[in-house]
Amino acid sequence: MGPVRQVFSRWLVWDLPAPVRRLVVGLVTAYGAALAAAAALTRFHTADLQVFGLLLGCTIVSIEMTRRVGEPTGLVRDVYAIWDLPVAVLLPPLYIMLVLGMRTGLSQLRVRHSVLHRRAYSAAAVGMAYAAASVIFHAAEPSLGGGSGAGFGAFLWMLLAAGCGIVRLFVSDSLLLAAILSSHPQTSVRAELIGAEATLGNAAELCLGLLVTFAAAHSVYVVLFAVPLVVWQQRSVRHKQLAAEARLDGKTGLLNDPTWRSQAAEELARAVRTRTPVAVGIIDVDHFKRVNDTYGHPAGDAVLAAVAATTMGVLREGDLVGRIGGEEFAFLLPYTPAVVAAEVAERLRQVIPQITIPVPVPGDAAPPSVTVSIGVAAAGRVTWSLDDFLFAADRALYAAKDSGRNRVFLISADTPGDPRPSSVNGNGSGPA
């Protein structure tokens, strides 16, 4: 039992904060129990096994033909629901739960080795959601007279199947959101889950899944004609996800340094044309090395992610935020005069220390708490280049750090002569 215990003790799931660990272990355990119960209650029929085998084969072919495209990290969207929905609708709940388990294992082995507990939790979330949708469909279908039929009866059947697809989406996204927010409460996932792009993608996936489901209900072999379409759609989705990931910083989800600088330069050019005010700021996490030395580098990564999420939550949708260095973030505020930029930076300085960092704490140490120093450069009428703004913001940042950190200092380009950093929150020593 010693070697077995050693293997289990090394699982990363035990390093999760207690609430997240309970959620992950609880859902995966519930999924296993539901799978066993479904297996005990299911009567196996040759026709069902044929449908299951064909649709599972289509899933495997889709994975293998898109395997070289890879899989981005983070929240991943794919189009496998096109194959999953007919399994959930046409077969007992056991089969869709088996499909999710098999597909997860194949993706782990053939596409990308992800953190095992994350992939297991995602599979359990989607599997439980599909199982609930399947139970609802099979309970309600007899009221329609049974079978997909034709004419208006077929339309009602499709509406019921669509409702089950929506139930699946709502339940699985709710479970995924619960895990994300338990790990990182400040994380913004609005765009990934309910943004316009995500909604359109979900609608297209559901409609294609419904068409495949209706075709399979009449002749399961017809679904083979959908394989090229699903493969093409999956490749398109993956390419888009990977292209977006190439623009982002892997630890924080913010724009990476080259992308932020490119977009910031475009915003400054727009401000020059429209003669509108703009501000650029640099955020530096105070004593970040101390966090890494005391709590370990995973805790440092968690701090960076939490600061990034909080910054995104405070700033407006049109503001640009990026990670430009180890523990440094930059933001650009279009259409923002100096006084407003100072207020925004001060609000960030006050909010960030209130973050709860969900990481294991060694011994009797207190949970990590961080403060930030912020330097801001602002101009009512833009004459500076991006490098000029960053140089001025960096001067203001160093003035904030020299004054004891946890400060905000501002440089205004509208000040005659050589502008000097000045304290925004009154805790500094005045102009530096």
Protein backbone atom coordinates (compact mmCIF):
# COMPACT_ATOMS: atom_id res chain seq x y z
CA MET A 1 0.00 0.00 0.00
CA GLY A 2 3.00 2.32 0.48
CA PRO A 3 3.73 2.94 -3.24
CA VAL A 4 0.01 3.40 -3.98
CA ARG A 5 -0.32 5.94 -1.14
CA GLN A 6 2.76 7.76 -2.50
CA VAL A 7 1.20 8.07 -5.95
CA PHE A 8 -2.04 9.44 -4.54
CA SER A 9 -0.23 11.89 -2.25
CA ARG A 10 1.52 13.47 -5.24
CA TRP A 11 -1.70 14.41 -7.00
CA LEU A 12 -1.93 18.18 -7.44
CA VAL A 13 -5.54 18.13 -6.31
CA TRP A 14 -4.35 17.93 -2.68
CA ASP A 15 -2.55 21.25 -3.11
CA LEU A 16 -5.80 23.06 -3.95
CA PRO A 17 -7.51 25.30 -1.38
CA ALA A 18 -9.93 23.26 0.73
CA PRO A 19 -13.19 24.62 -0.83
CA VAL A 20 -11.91 23.96 -4.36
CA ARG A 21 -10.62 20.53 -3.41
CA ARG A 22 -13.99 19.57 -1.93
CA LEU A 23 -15.76 20.77 -5.07
CA VAL A 24 -13.46 18.85 -7.42
CA VAL A 25 -13.35 15.62 -5.42
CA GLY A 26 -17.08 15.80 -4.69
CA LEU A 27 -18.16 16.26 -8.30
CA VAL A 28 -15.80 13.62 -9.69
CA THR A 29 -16.96 11.17 -6.99
CA ALA A 30 -20.61 11.96 -7.73
CA TYR A 31 -19.93 11.40 -11.42
CA GLY A 32 -18.42 7.99 -10.71
CA ALA A 33 -21.38 7.05 -8.53
CA ALA A 34 -23.87 8.25 -11.17
CA LEU A 35 -22.01 6.27 -13.81
CA ALA A 36 -22.20 3.10 -11.72
CA ALA A 37 -25.90 3.65 -11.00
CA ALA A 38 -26.65 4.28 -14.67
CA ALA A 39 -24.78 1.09 -15.63
CA ALA A 40 -26.85 -0.93 -13.16
CA LEU A 41 -30.13 0.49 -14.49
CA THR A 42 -29.39 0.28 -18.22
CA ARG A 43 -30.58 -2.57 -20.38
CA PHE A 44 -28.21 -3.07 -23.28
CA HIS A 45 -29.59 -3.55 -26.79
CA THR A 46 -27.70 -4.27 -29.99
CA ALA A 47 -29.27 -1.30 -31.79
CA ASP A 48 -28.18 1.08 -28.99
CA LEU A 49 -24.66 -0.30 -29.04
CA GLN A 50 -24.47 0.24 -32.80
CA VAL A 51 -25.54 3.89 -32.48
CA PHE A 52 -23.13 4.37 -29.60
CA GLY A 53 -20.24 2.78 -31.47
CA LEU A 54 -20.81 4.86 -34.60
CA LEU A 55 -21.12 8.18 -32.77
CA LEU A 56 -18.14 7.35 -30.54
CA GLY A 57 -16.19 6.51 -33.69
CA CYS A 58 -17.09 9.90 -35.17
CA THR A 59 -15.82 11.55 -31.98
CA ILE A 60 -12.53 9.64 -32.14
CA VAL A 61 -12.04 10.52 -35.81
CA SER A 62 -12.70 14.20 -35.02
CA ILE A 63 -10.11 14.16 -32.23
CA GLU A 64 -7.49 12.39 -34.33
CA MET A 65 -7.98 14.64 -37.36
CA THR A 66 -7.62 17.81 -35.27
CA ARG A 67 -4.96 16.50 -32.89
CA ARG A 68 -2.07 18.30 -34.56
CA VAL A 69 -3.84 21.63 -34.17
CA GLY A 70 -3.30 21.24 -30.44
CA GLU A 71 -5.36 22.55 -27.57
CA PRO A 72 -4.92 25.91 -25.83
CA THR A 73 -4.66 26.19 -22.09
CA GLY A 74 -7.35 27.73 -19.90
CA LEU A 75 -11.04 27.62 -20.70
CA VAL A 76 -11.34 25.57 -23.90
CA ARG A 77 -14.30 25.59 -26.26
CA ASP A 78 -14.75 22.78 -28.77
CA VAL A 79 -17.51 21.47 -31.02
CA TYR A 80 -17.83 17.91 -29.71
CA ALA A 81 -21.39 18.64 -28.58
CA ILE A 82 -22.31 18.02 -32.21
CA TRP A 83 -21.62 14.33 -31.50
CA ASP A 84 -22.58 14.40 -27.81
CA LEU A 85 -26.14 15.66 -28.24
CA PRO A 86 -27.38 12.72 -30.37
CA VAL A 87 -25.88 10.27 -27.86
CA ALA A 88 -27.70 12.00 -24.98
CA VAL A 89 -30.99 12.25 -26.85
CA LEU A 90 -31.14 8.91 -28.65
CA LEU A 91 -29.61 6.63 -26.00
CA PRO A 92 -29.95 6.07 -22.23
CA PRO A 93 -27.88 8.43 -20.00
CA LEU A 94 -25.14 5.84 -19.41
CA TYR A 95 -23.85 6.14 -22.96
CA ILE A 96 -23.17 9.88 -22.92
CA MET A 97 -21.38 9.50 -19.58
CA LEU A 98 -19.18 6.82 -21.13
CA VAL A 99 -18.48 9.02 -24.15
CA LEU A 100 -17.30 11.88 -21.93
CA GLY A 101 -14.98 9.62 -19.97
CA MET A 102 -13.49 8.01 -23.08
CA ARG A 103 -13.06 11.32 -24.88
CA THR A 104 -11.35 12.87 -21.87
CA GLY A 105 -8.87 10.01 -21.67
CA LEU A 106 -8.15 10.17 -25.40
CA SER A 107 -7.65 13.96 -25.30
CA GLN A 108 -5.28 13.59 -22.35
CA LEU A 109 -3.23 10.95 -24.17
CA ARG A 110 -3.35 12.20 -27.75
CA VAL A 111 -3.90 15.98 -27.72
CA ARG A 112 -2.37 17.60 -24.64
CA HIS A 113 -1.35 16.39 -21.19
CA SER A 114 -3.37 18.69 -18.98
CA VAL A 115 -3.51 18.79 -15.18
CA LEU A 116 -5.45 15.60 -14.49
CA HIS A 117 -7.88 16.91 -11.87
CA ARG A 118 -8.86 19.84 -14.10
CA ARG A 119 -9.63 17.60 -17.03
CA ALA A 120 -11.47 15.14 -14.77
CA TYR A 121 -13.56 17.93 -13.25
CA SER A 122 -14.44 19.33 -16.69
CA ALA A 123 -15.46 15.87 -17.91
CA ALA A 124 -17.54 15.29 -14.78
CA ALA A 125 -19.25 18.68 -15.13
CA VAL A 126 -20.17 18.14 -18.76
CA GLY A 127 -21.04 14.48 -18.16
CA MET A 128 -23.40 15.23 -15.27
CA ALA A 129 -25.00 18.03 -17.29
CA TYR A 130 -25.59 15.74 -20.26
CA ALA A 131 -26.90 12.97 -18.02
CA ALA A 132 -29.45 15.40 -16.53
CA ALA A 133 -30.43 16.56 -20.03
CA SER A 134 -30.78 12.95 -21.19
CA VAL A 135 -33.03 12.05 -18.24
CA ILE A 136 -35.22 15.10 -18.95
CA PHE A 137 -35.50 14.26 -22.64
CA HIS A 138 -36.43 10.60 -22.12
CA ALA A 139 -38.98 11.56 -19.45
CA ALA A 140 -40.65 14.15 -21.68
CA GLU A 141 -40.45 12.42 -25.07
CA PRO A 142 -43.43 10.05 -24.54
CA SER A 143 -45.72 13.08 -24.27
CA LEU A 144 -44.86 13.84 -27.91
CA GLY A 145 -45.97 10.43 -29.06
CA GLY A 146 -42.45 8.98 -29.21
CA GLY A 147 -39.98 9.27 -32.07
CA SER A 148 -38.87 12.27 -34.10
CA GLY A 149 -41.62 11.73 -36.69
CA ALA A 150 -42.23 14.37 -39.35
CA GLY A 151 -44.01 17.68 -39.80
CA PHE A 152 -44.99 19.67 -36.72
CA GLY A 153 -44.34 16.67 -34.46
CA ALA A 154 -40.74 16.63 -35.65
CA PHE A 155 -40.47 20.35 -34.89
CA LEU A 156 -41.70 19.78 -31.32
CA TRP A 157 -39.25 16.90 -30.94
CA MET A 158 -36.43 19.18 -32.06
CA LEU A 159 -37.54 21.86 -29.60
CA LEU A 160 -37.38 19.31 -26.78
CA ALA A 161 -33.89 18.24 -27.90
CA ALA A 162 -32.84 21.90 -28.09
CA GLY A 163 -34.13 22.48 -24.57
CA CYS A 164 -32.01 19.59 -23.34
CA GLY A 165 -28.99 21.06 -25.10
CA ILE A 166 -29.59 24.36 -23.33
CA VAL A 167 -29.96 22.57 -19.99
CA ARG A 168 -26.63 20.86 -20.59
CA LEU A 169 -24.94 24.15 -21.40
CA PHE A 170 -26.38 25.93 -18.35
CA VAL A 171 -25.49 23.15 -15.89
CA SER A 172 -21.98 22.50 -17.21
CA ASP A 173 -21.07 26.20 -17.42
CA SER A 174 -22.42 26.76 -13.90
CA LEU A 175 -20.25 23.95 -12.54
CA LEU A 176 -17.18 25.21 -14.42
CA LEU A 177 -17.84 28.75 -13.22
CA ALA A 178 -18.12 27.54 -9.63
CA ALA A 179 -14.66 25.96 -9.85
CA ILE A 180 -13.09 28.99 -11.52
CA LEU A 181 -14.50 31.49 -9.03
CA SER A 182 -13.64 29.26 -6.07
CA SER A 183 -10.01 29.20 -7.21
CA HIS A 184 -9.77 32.82 -8.35
CA PRO A 185 -12.74 34.92 -7.15
CA GLN A 186 -11.55 37.97 -9.09
CA THR A 187 -11.42 36.16 -12.43
CA SER A 188 -13.60 37.62 -15.17
CA VAL A 189 -15.01 34.91 -17.45
CA ARG A 190 -17.90 36.90 -18.86
CA ALA A 191 -16.50 36.96 -22.40
CA GLU A 192 -15.72 33.22 -22.41
CA LEU A 193 -19.09 32.11 -21.03
CA ILE A 194 -21.74 34.68 -21.90
CA GLY A 195 -20.06 37.11 -24.29
CA ALA A 196 -21.45 37.70 -27.78
CA GLU A 197 -18.83 35.49 -29.42
CA ALA A 198 -19.40 32.64 -26.95
CA THR A 199 -23.19 32.87 -27.34
CA LEU A 200 -22.96 32.75 -31.13
CA GLY A 201 -20.57 29.79 -30.98
CA ASN A 202 -22.84 27.90 -28.57
CA ALA A 203 -25.87 28.57 -30.78
CA ALA A 204 -24.07 27.32 -33.90
CA GLU A 205 -22.83 24.22 -32.06
CA LEU A 206 -26.34 23.48 -30.75
CA CYS A 207 -27.97 23.89 -34.16
CA LEU A 208 -25.45 21.59 -35.83
CA GLY A 209 -25.89 19.07 -33.03
CA LEU A 210 -29.67 19.17 -33.49
CA LEU A 211 -29.38 18.54 -37.23
CA VAL A 212 -27.04 15.60 -36.64
CA THR A 213 -29.38 14.29 -33.92
CA PHE A 214 -32.42 14.48 -36.22
CA ALA A 215 -30.51 12.75 -39.02
CA ALA A 216 -29.29 10.02 -36.66
CA ALA A 217 -32.84 9.45 -35.39
CA HIS A 218 -33.88 8.48 -38.92
CA SER A 219 -30.71 6.74 -40.13
CA VAL A 220 -27.63 6.74 -37.95
CA TYR A 221 -25.28 6.13 -40.87
CA VAL A 222 -26.24 9.52 -42.36
CA VAL A 223 -24.17 11.21 -39.63
CA LEU A 224 -21.00 10.09 -41.42
CA PHE A 225 -21.60 12.93 -43.88
CA ALA A 226 -21.21 15.38 -40.98
CA VAL A 227 -17.67 14.25 -40.09
CA PRO A 228 -15.83 16.62 -42.50
CA LEU A 229 -18.02 19.51 -41.34
CA VAL A 230 -17.28 18.86 -37.65
CA VAL A 231 -13.55 18.43 -38.30
CA TRP A 232 -13.43 21.71 -40.23
CA GLN A 233 -15.41 23.49 -37.53
CA GLN A 234 -13.16 22.11 -34.78
CA ARG A 235 -10.01 23.15 -36.61
CA SER A 236 -11.42 26.65 -37.08
CA VAL A 237 -12.29 26.95 -33.39
CA ARG A 238 -8.88 25.68 -32.28
CA HIS A 239 -6.99 27.95 -34.65
CA LYS A 240 -8.91 30.92 -33.32
CA GLN A 241 -8.27 29.92 -29.69
CA LEU A 242 -4.56 29.38 -30.31
CA ALA A 243 -4.23 32.65 -32.19
CA ALA A 244 -5.87 34.47 -29.29
CA GLU A 245 -3.64 32.65 -26.80
CA ALA A 246 -0.52 33.80 -28.68
CA ARG A 247 -1.51 37.38 -27.86
CA LEU A 248 -1.97 36.71 -24.15
CA ASP A 249 0.27 36.24 -21.15
CA GLY A 250 -0.05 32.64 -20.00
CA LYS A 251 -0.05 33.35 -16.25
CA THR A 252 -2.51 36.22 -16.11
CA GLY A 253 -4.63 36.09 -19.27
CA LEU A 254 -3.76 39.73 -19.97
CA LEU A 255 -2.25 41.01 -23.19
CA ASN A 256 1.42 40.10 -23.40
CA ASP A 257 4.05 42.82 -23.73
CA PRO A 258 4.34 43.01 -27.56
CA THR A 259 0.57 42.89 -28.07
CA TRP A 260 -0.10 45.52 -25.39
CA ARG A 261 2.51 47.88 -26.86
CA SER A 262 1.10 47.45 -30.35
CA GLN A 263 -2.48 48.17 -29.29
CA ALA A 264 -1.40 51.00 -26.97
CA ALA A 265 0.44 52.68 -29.86
CA GLU A 266 -2.74 52.46 -31.94
CA GLU A 267 -4.76 54.05 -29.12
CA LEU A 268 -2.24 56.89 -28.81
CA ALA A 269 -2.39 57.52 -32.56
CA ARG A 270 -6.18 57.71 -32.26
CA ALA A 271 -5.87 60.14 -29.34
CA VAL A 272 -3.59 62.37 -31.45
CA ARG A 273 -6.12 62.42 -34.31
CA THR A 274 -9.12 63.08 -32.07
CA ARG A 275 -7.23 65.40 -29.67
CA THR A 276 -8.54 63.52 -26.65
CA PRO A 277 -6.82 62.96 -23.28
CA VAL A 278 -5.09 59.69 -22.45
CA ALA A 279 -3.21 58.19 -19.51
CA VAL A 280 -0.70 55.37 -19.20
CA GLY A 281 0.12 53.65 -15.91
CA ILE A 282 2.53 51.03 -14.62
CA ILE A 283 1.63 48.79 -11.65
CA ASP A 284 4.41 47.09 -9.68
CA VAL A 285 3.66 44.44 -7.04
CA ASP A 286 5.53 45.44 -3.87
CA HIS A 287 8.06 42.96 -2.43
CA PHE A 288 7.04 40.28 -4.93
CA LYS A 289 10.25 38.33 -4.41
CA ARG A 290 9.32 37.98 -0.76
CA VAL A 291 6.06 36.27 -1.79
CA ASN A 292 7.96 33.75 -3.94
CA ASP A 293 10.54 33.11 -1.24
CA THR A 294 7.96 32.66 1.53
CA TYR A 295 5.11 30.84 -0.20
CA GLY A 296 6.70 29.41 -3.34
CA HIS A 297 6.44 30.25 -7.02
CA PRO A 298 2.90 28.80 -7.45
CA ALA A 299 1.76 31.35 -4.87
CA GLY A 300 3.58 34.07 -6.81
CA ASP A 301 1.73 33.02 -9.96
CA ALA A 302 -1.56 33.11 -8.04
CA VAL A 303 -0.75 36.65 -6.86
CA LEU A 304 -0.07 37.78 -10.44
CA ALA A 305 -3.33 36.23 -11.65
CA ALA A 306 -5.31 37.81 -8.82
CA VAL A 307 -3.81 41.26 -9.37
CA ALA A 308 -4.51 40.96 -13.09
CA ALA A 309 -8.13 39.90 -12.52
CA THR A 310 -8.71 42.71 -10.00
CA THR A 311 -7.21 45.28 -12.35
CA MET A 312 -9.47 44.11 -15.16
CA GLY A 313 -12.43 44.31 -12.80
CA VAL A 314 -11.70 47.91 -11.82
CA LEU A 315 -10.90 49.26 -15.29
CA ARG A 316 -13.40 49.84 -18.06
CA GLU A 317 -14.02 47.51 -20.99
CA GLY A 318 -12.20 49.77 -23.46
CA ASP A 319 -9.08 50.18 -21.33
CA LEU A 320 -5.95 48.26 -22.29
CA VAL A 321 -4.18 46.14 -19.68
CA GLY A 322 -1.08 44.03 -20.21
CA ARG A 323 1.72 42.31 -18.35
CA ILE A 324 4.98 43.94 -19.41
CA GLY A 325 7.43 42.37 -16.97
CA GLY A 326 7.84 39.89 -14.12
CA GLU A 327 5.56 41.64 -11.63
CA GLU A 328 4.75 44.74 -13.67
CA PHE A 329 1.51 45.53 -15.44
CA ALA A 330 0.73 48.43 -17.74
CA PHE A 331 -2.60 50.04 -18.52
CA LEU A 332 -3.76 52.68 -20.96
CA LEU A 333 -6.89 54.71 -20.30
CA PRO A 334 -8.28 56.39 -23.44
CA TYR A 335 -10.38 59.55 -23.17
CA THR A 336 -9.16 59.97 -19.59
CA PRO A 337 -7.83 63.24 -18.14
CA ALA A 338 -5.14 63.27 -15.45
CA VAL A 339 -7.49 63.78 -12.50
CA VAL A 340 -9.63 60.77 -13.46
CA ALA A 341 -6.57 58.61 -14.17
CA ALA A 342 -5.27 59.46 -10.69
CA GLU A 343 -8.59 58.41 -9.15
CA VAL A 344 -8.55 55.11 -11.06
CA ALA A 345 -4.98 54.34 -9.99
CA GLU A 346 -5.78 55.19 -6.38
CA ARG A 347 -8.81 52.90 -6.47
CA LEU A 348 -6.58 50.08 -7.72
CA ARG A 349 -4.09 50.76 -4.94
CA GLN A 350 -6.84 50.48 -2.34
CA VAL A 351 -8.62 47.42 -3.79
CA ILE A 352 -5.66 45.14 -4.57
CA PRO A 353 -4.54 44.66 -0.90
CA GLN A 354 -8.04 43.31 -0.15
CA ILE A 355 -7.50 40.33 -2.49
CA THR A 356 -7.66 36.89 -0.90
CA ILE A 357 -5.00 34.70 -2.52
CA PRO A 358 -6.28 31.07 -2.51
CA VAL A 359 -2.98 29.21 -2.03
CA PRO A 360 -1.72 26.67 0.52
CA VAL A 361 0.12 28.43 3.39
CA PRO A 362 3.25 26.76 4.84
CA GLY A 363 3.26 26.19 8.59
CA ASP A 364 1.70 28.96 10.66
CA ALA A 365 2.38 31.69 8.08
CA ALA A 366 -0.38 34.16 7.30
CA PRO A 367 -1.96 34.08 3.83
CA PRO A 368 -0.09 36.27 1.34
CA SER A 369 -1.22 39.86 1.09
CA VAL A 370 0.16 42.29 -1.46
CA THR A 371 0.25 46.00 -2.09
CA VAL A 372 1.17 47.81 -5.29
CA SER A 373 2.98 50.95 -6.30
CA ILE A 374 1.61 52.75 -9.34
CA GLY A 375 3.09 55.37 -11.63
CA VAL A 376 0.84 57.27 -14.02
CA ALA A 377 1.62 59.56 -16.96
CA ALA A 378 -1.27 61.59 -18.36
CA ALA A 379 -1.76 64.14 -21.14
CA GLY A 380 -4.73 66.28 -22.01
CA ARG A 381 -3.42 66.67 -25.54
CA VAL A 382 -1.10 63.92 -26.71
CA THR A 383 2.32 64.94 -28.02
CA TRP A 384 4.31 62.11 -26.45
CA SER A 385 5.07 58.74 -28.03
CA LEU A 386 4.31 55.49 -26.22
CA ASP A 387 7.94 55.28 -25.12
CA ASP A 388 7.66 58.79 -23.68
CA PHE A 389 4.55 57.82 -21.72
CA LEU A 390 6.18 54.66 -20.40
CA PHE A 391 9.35 56.53 -19.44
CA ALA A 392 7.30 59.13 -17.54
CA ALA A 393 5.12 56.47 -15.88
CA ASP A 394 8.28 54.60 -14.88
CA ARG A 395 9.69 57.78 -13.29
CA ALA A 396 6.45 58.20 -11.35
CA LEU A 397 6.57 54.53 -10.31
CA TYR A 398 10.08 54.86 -8.91
CA ALA A 399 9.02 57.98 -7.04
CA ALA A 400 6.18 55.93 -5.50
CA LYS A 401 8.59 53.15 -4.50
CA ASP A 402 11.18 55.59 -3.12
CA SER A 403 8.45 57.13 -0.96
CA GLY A 404 7.81 53.84 0.82
CA ARG A 405 5.77 51.84 -1.73
CA ASN A 406 1.99 51.36 -1.69
CA ARG A 407 1.75 54.78 -3.31
CA VAL A 408 0.44 56.39 -6.49
CA PHE A 409 2.48 59.09 -8.22
CA LEU A 410 1.47 61.04 -11.31
CA ILE A 411 3.29 62.94 -14.06
CA SER A 412 1.25 65.27 -16.25
CA ALA A 413 2.53 66.13 -19.71
CA ASP A 414 0.52 69.34 -19.54
CA THR A 415 2.79 70.75 -16.82
CA PRO A 416 5.10 73.44 -18.25
CA GLY A 417 8.81 72.64 -18.34
CA ASP A 418 10.13 69.31 -17.07
CA PRO A 419 7.14 67.60 -15.37
CA ARG A 420 7.96 66.04 -11.99
CA PRO A 421 6.19 63.13 -10.24
CA SER A 422 3.69 64.18 -7.56
CA SER A 423 1.89 62.09 -4.97
CA VAL A 424 -1.77 61.30 -5.63
CA ASN A 425 -2.84 59.75 -2.32
CA GLY A 426 -1.11 62.19 0.00
CA ASN A 427 1.06 59.48 1.60
CA GLY A 428 4.18 60.42 -0.28
CA SER A 429 6.56 63.27 0.21
CA GLY A 430 5.21 65.49 -2.52
CA PRO A 431 7.06 66.16 -5.77
CA ALA A 432 10.06 63.94 -6.20
